[in-house]
C-alpha atoms as a PDB file:
ATOM      1  CA  UNK A   1     -20.025 -26.814   2.450  1.00  0.00           C
ATOM      2  CA  UNK A   2     -21.289 -27.130  -1.035  1.00  0.00           C
ATOM      3  CA  UNK A   3     -19.357 -26.067  -4.120  1.00  0.00           C
ATOM      4  CA  UNK A   4     -21.841 -23.296  -4.998  1.00  0.00           C
ATOM      5  CA  UNK A   5     -21.308 -21.488  -1.694  1.00  0.00           C
ATOM      6  CA  UNK A   6     -17.534 -21.902  -1.882  1.00  0.00           C
ATOM      7  CA  UNK A   7     -17.520 -20.620  -5.460  1.00  0.00           C
ATOM      8  CA  UNK A   8     -19.719 -17.631  -4.498  1.00  0.00           C
ATOM      9  CA  UNK A   9     -17.322 -16.734  -1.674  1.00  0.00           C
ATOM     10  CA  UNK A  10     -14.309 -16.868  -3.969  1.00  0.00           C
ATOM     11  CA  UNK A  11     -16.043 -14.811  -6.665  1.00  0.00           C
ATOM     12  CA  UNK A  12     -17.165 -12.217  -4.119  1.00  0.00           C
ATOM     13  CA  UNK A  13     -13.640 -11.865  -2.764  1.00  0.00           C
ATOM     14  CA  UNK A  14     -12.314 -11.474  -6.315  1.00  0.00           C
ATOM     15  CA  UNK A  15     -14.894  -8.793  -7.165  1.00  0.00           C
ATOM     16  CA  UNK A  16     -14.308  -6.943  -3.884  1.00  0.00           C
ATOM     17  CA  UNK A  17     -10.553  -6.996  -4.358  1.00  0.00           C
ATOM     18  CA  UNK A  18     -10.767  -5.762  -7.956  1.00  0.00           C
ATOM     19  CA  UNK A  19     -13.228  -2.987  -7.178  1.00  0.00           C
ATOM     20  CA  UNK A  20     -11.277  -1.823  -4.116  1.00  0.00           C
ATOM     21  CA  UNK A  21      -8.086  -1.648  -6.160  1.00  0.00           C
ATOM     22  CA  UNK A  22      -9.804   0.292  -8.986  1.00  0.00           C
ATOM     23  CA  UNK A  23     -11.404   2.773  -6.589  1.00  0.00           C
ATOM     24  CA  UNK A  24      -8.252   3.280  -4.548  1.00  0.00           C
ATOM     25  CA  UNK A  25      -6.184   3.617  -7.720  1.00  0.00           C
ATOM     26  CA  UNK A  26      -8.485   6.355  -9.031  1.00  0.00           C
ATOM     27  CA  UNK A  27      -8.339   8.112  -5.683  1.00  0.00           C
ATOM     28  CA  UNK A  28      -4.532   8.025  -5.544  1.00  0.00           C
ATOM     29  CA  UNK A  29      -4.231   9.274  -9.133  1.00  0.00           C
ATOM     30  CA  UNK A  30      -5.619  12.590  -7.859  1.00  0.00           C
ATOM     31  CA  UNK A  31      -2.367  12.826  -5.854  1.00  0.00           C
ATOM     32  CA  UNK A  32      -0.214  11.719  -8.816  1.00  0.00           C
ATOM     33  CA  UNK A  33       0.422   8.298  -7.212  1.00  0.00           C
ATOM     34  CA  UNK A  34      -0.104   4.703  -8.255  1.00  0.00           C
ATOM     35  CA  UNK A  35      -1.231   1.893  -5.959  1.00  0.00           C
ATOM     36  CA  UNK A  36       1.813   0.558  -4.148  1.00  0.00           C
ATOM     37  CA  UNK A  37       3.693   3.842  -4.165  1.00  0.00           C
ATOM     38  CA  UNK A  38       1.778   4.981  -1.092  1.00  0.00           C
ATOM     39  CA  UNK A  39       3.110   1.936   0.770  1.00  0.00           C
ATOM     40  CA  UNK A  40       6.672   2.919  -0.099  1.00  0.00           C
ATOM     41  CA  UNK A  41       5.949   6.465   1.053  1.00  0.00           C
ATOM     42  CA  UNK A  42       4.290   5.131   4.215  1.00  0.00           C
ATOM     43  CA  UNK A  43       7.530   3.343   5.105  1.00  0.00           C
ATOM     44  CA  UNK A  44       9.461   6.563   4.546  1.00  0.00           C
ATOM     45  CA  UNK A  45       6.985   8.529   6.678  1.00  0.00           C
ATOM     46  CA  UNK A  46       7.898   6.176   9.524  1.00  0.00           C
ATOM     47  CA  UNK A  47      11.531   7.182   9.026  1.00  0.00           C
ATOM     48  CA  UNK A  48      13.355   7.965   5.839  1.00  0.00           C
ATOM     49  CA  UNK A  49      16.996   7.506   4.917  1.00  0.00           C
ATOM     50  CA  UNK A  50      16.562   3.795   4.341  1.00  0.00           C
ATOM     51  CA  UNK A  51      17.914   1.663   1.523  1.00  0.00           C
ATOM     52  CA  UNK A  52      16.007   0.189  -1.413  1.00  0.00           C
ATOM     53  CA  UNK A  53      16.688  -3.268   0.011  1.00  0.00           C
ATOM     54  CA  UNK A  54      14.970  -2.280   3.265  1.00  0.00           C
ATOM     55  CA  UNK A  55      12.012  -1.060   1.213  1.00  0.00           C
ATOM     56  CA  UNK A  56      11.942  -4.381  -0.673  1.00  0.00           C
ATOM     57  CA  UNK A  57      11.769  -6.227   2.638  1.00  0.00           C
ATOM     58  CA  UNK A  58       9.012  -3.955   3.926  1.00  0.00           C
ATOM     59  CA  UNK A  59       6.918  -4.179   0.752  1.00  0.00           C
ATOM     60  CA  UNK A  60       7.734  -7.873   0.175  1.00  0.00           C
ATOM     61  CA  UNK A  61       8.484  -7.254  -3.494  1.00  0.00           C
ATOM     62  CA  UNK A  62      11.353  -7.681  -5.906  1.00  0.00           C
ATOM     63  CA  UNK A  63      14.151  -5.088  -6.325  1.00  0.00           C
ATOM     64  CA  UNK A  64      13.183  -4.153  -9.937  1.00  0.00           C
ATOM     65  CA  UNK A  65       9.664  -3.257  -8.734  1.00  0.00           C
ATOM     66  CA  UNK A  66      11.059  -1.001  -6.017  1.00  0.00           C
ATOM     67  CA  UNK A  67      13.562   0.521  -8.448  1.00  0.00           C
ATOM     68  CA  UNK A  68      10.718   1.504 -10.789  1.00  0.00           C
ATOM     69  CA  UNK A  69       8.664   2.955  -7.929  1.00  0.00           C
ATOM     70  CA  UNK A  70      11.649   4.925  -6.625  1.00  0.00           C
ATOM     71  CA  UNK A  71      12.409   6.330 -10.100  1.00  0.00           C
ATOM     72  CA  UNK A  72       8.804   7.405 -10.585  1.00  0.00           C
ATOM     73  CA  UNK A  73       8.497   8.966  -7.133  1.00  0.00           C
ATOM     74  CA  UNK A  74      11.813  10.731  -7.635  1.00  0.00           C
ATOM     75  CA  UNK A  75      10.722  12.098 -11.041  1.00  0.00           C
ATOM     76  CA  UNK A  76       7.562  13.456  -9.404  1.00  0.00           C
ATOM     77  CA  UNK A  77       9.620  15.185  -6.719  1.00  0.00           C
ATOM     78  CA  UNK A  78       8.371  13.140  -3.751  1.00  0.00           C
ATOM     79  CA  UNK A  79      11.694  11.539  -2.818  1.00  0.00           C
ATOM     80  CA  UNK A  80      15.398  11.822  -3.528  1.00  0.00           C
ATOM     81  CA  UNK A  81      18.341   9.443  -3.333  1.00  0.00           C
ATOM     82  CA  UNK A  82      21.623  10.172  -1.628  1.00  0.00           C
ATOM     83  CA  UNK A  83      24.791   8.094  -1.248  1.00  0.00           C
ATOM     84  CA  UNK A  84      25.454   6.701   2.205  1.00  0.00           C
ATOM     85  CA  UNK A  85      28.249   8.624   3.931  1.00  0.00           C
ATOM     86  CA  UNK A  86      29.884   5.452   5.328  1.00  0.00           C
ATOM     87  CA  UNK A  87      29.410   3.200   2.279  1.00  0.00           C
ATOM     88  CA  UNK A  88      29.324   4.940  -1.107  1.00  0.00           C
ATOM     89  CA  UNK A  89      27.906   1.788  -2.734  1.00  0.00           C
ATOM     90  CA  UNK A  90      24.639   2.261  -0.812  1.00  0.00           C
ATOM     91  CA  UNK A  91      21.932   4.718  -1.838  1.00  0.00           C
ATOM     92  CA  UNK A  92      19.565   5.977   0.831  1.00  0.00           C
ATOM     93  CA  UNK A  93      16.089   7.287   0.086  1.00  0.00           C
ATOM     94  CA  UNK A  94      14.683  10.429   1.650  1.00  0.00           C
ATOM     95  CA  UNK A  95      11.407  12.324   1.430  1.00  0.00           C
ATOM     96  CA  UNK A  96      11.282  15.777  -0.094  1.00  0.00           C
ATOM     97  CA  UNK A  97       9.006  18.396   1.455  1.00  0.00           C
ATOM     98  CA  UNK A  98       6.524  17.585  -1.311  1.00  0.00           C
ATOM     99  CA  UNK A  99       6.657  13.896  -0.290  1.00  0.00           C
ATOM    100  CA  UNK A 100       6.211  14.743   3.383  1.00  0.00           C
ATOM    101  CA  UNK A 101       3.127  16.817   2.576  1.00  0.00           C
ATOM    102  CA  UNK A 102       1.467  13.790   0.922  1.00  0.00           C
ATOM    103  CA  UNK A 103       1.080  11.910   4.212  1.00  0.00           C
ATOM    104  CA  UNK A 104      -2.168  13.563   5.281  1.00  0.00           C
ATOM    105  CA  UNK A 105      -3.904  13.466   1.865  1.00  0.00           C
ATOM    106  CA  UNK A 106      -2.964   9.788   1.389  1.00  0.00           C
ATOM    107  CA  UNK A 107      -4.278   8.991   4.859  1.00  0.00           C
ATOM    108  CA  UNK A 108      -7.552  10.769   4.050  1.00  0.00           C
ATOM    109  CA  UNK A 109      -7.933   8.822   0.784  1.00  0.00           C
ATOM    110  CA  UNK A 110      -7.213   5.532   2.569  1.00  0.00           C
ATOM    111  CA  UNK A 111      -9.791   6.280   5.285  1.00  0.00           C
ATOM    112  CA  UNK A 112     -12.405   7.294   2.705  1.00  0.00           C
ATOM    113  CA  UNK A 113     -11.972   3.982   0.888  1.00  0.00           C
ATOM    114  CA  UNK A 114     -12.105   2.079   4.174  1.00  0.00           C
ATOM    115  CA  UNK A 115     -15.281   3.906   5.238  1.00  0.00           C
ATOM    116  CA  UNK A 116     -16.914   3.088   1.896  1.00  0.00           C
ATOM    117  CA  UNK A 117     -15.936  -0.566   2.248  1.00  0.00           C
ATOM    118  CA  UNK A 118     -17.309  -0.954   5.786  1.00  0.00           C
ATOM    119  CA  UNK A 119     -20.186   1.539   5.597  1.00  0.00           C
ATOM    120  CA  UNK A 120     -23.162  -0.714   6.373  1.00  0.00           C
ATOM    121  CA  UNK A 121     -21.353  -3.227   8.577  1.00  0.00           C
ATOM    122  CA  UNK A 122     -22.024  -3.050  12.319  1.00  0.00           C
ATOM    123  CA  UNK A 123     -19.190  -3.094  14.879  1.00  0.00           C
ATOM    124  CA  UNK A 124     -20.082  -6.687  15.834  1.00  0.00           C
ATOM    125  CA  UNK A 125     -20.066  -7.775  12.189  1.00  0.00           C
ATOM    126  CA  UNK A 126     -16.715  -6.065  11.706  1.00  0.00           C
ATOM    127  CA  UNK A 127     -15.216  -8.107  14.528  1.00  0.00           C
ATOM    128  CA  UNK A 128     -16.541 -11.316  12.991  1.00  0.00           C
ATOM    129  CA  UNK A 129     -15.392 -10.272   9.516  1.00  0.00           C
ATOM    130  CA  UNK A 130     -11.912  -9.513  10.823  1.00  0.00           C
ATOM    131  CA  UNK A 131     -11.775 -12.922  12.488  1.00  0.00           C
ATOM    132  CA  UNK A 132     -12.881 -14.724   9.316  1.00  0.00           C
ATOM    133  CA  UNK A 133     -10.502 -12.786   7.092  1.00  0.00           C
ATOM    134  CA  UNK A 134      -7.601 -13.593   9.438  1.00  0.00           C
ATOM    135  CA  UNK A 135      -8.481 -17.272   9.081  1.00  0.00           C
ATOM    136  CA  UNK A 136      -8.505 -16.955   5.291  1.00  0.00           C
ATOM    137  CA  UNK A 137      -5.194 -15.107   5.404  1.00  0.00           C
ATOM    138  CA  UNK A 138      -3.668 -17.870   7.547  1.00  0.00           C
ATOM    139  CA  UNK A 139      -4.983 -20.508   5.140  1.00  0.00           C
ATOM    140  CA  UNK A 140      -2.944 -18.876   2.375  1.00  0.00           C
ATOM    141  CA  UNK A 141       0.324 -19.024   4.324  1.00  0.00           C
END
């Protein structure tokens, strides 16, 4: 391929990624959340009472990042921390009722952003796009 096409692809992916993040960020702010916090909550919606280290593994991010997210979510009343009954050195993270109630609104916001992203793309094009994006993702590994 020529450099112009390759450069256009890279620039398009950069613009798409930036715009998606801005739009999703604005959408989540309506729920008093920042991008990334919904992923932590998503893991807790699957089953809470997990440790910060388990969250780090799930989110693939560093402990200080998770610590900051946990503090913020706790201050907003979405989660709380409790010492493990078997090992007092371990803190477990649980959802509050307020945090549990966020699951549906976050899911709605996520679907709205997804629908906007894929609006004019046919089912056949979506299959091809998914295949191409998987290839790109594998190239980065």
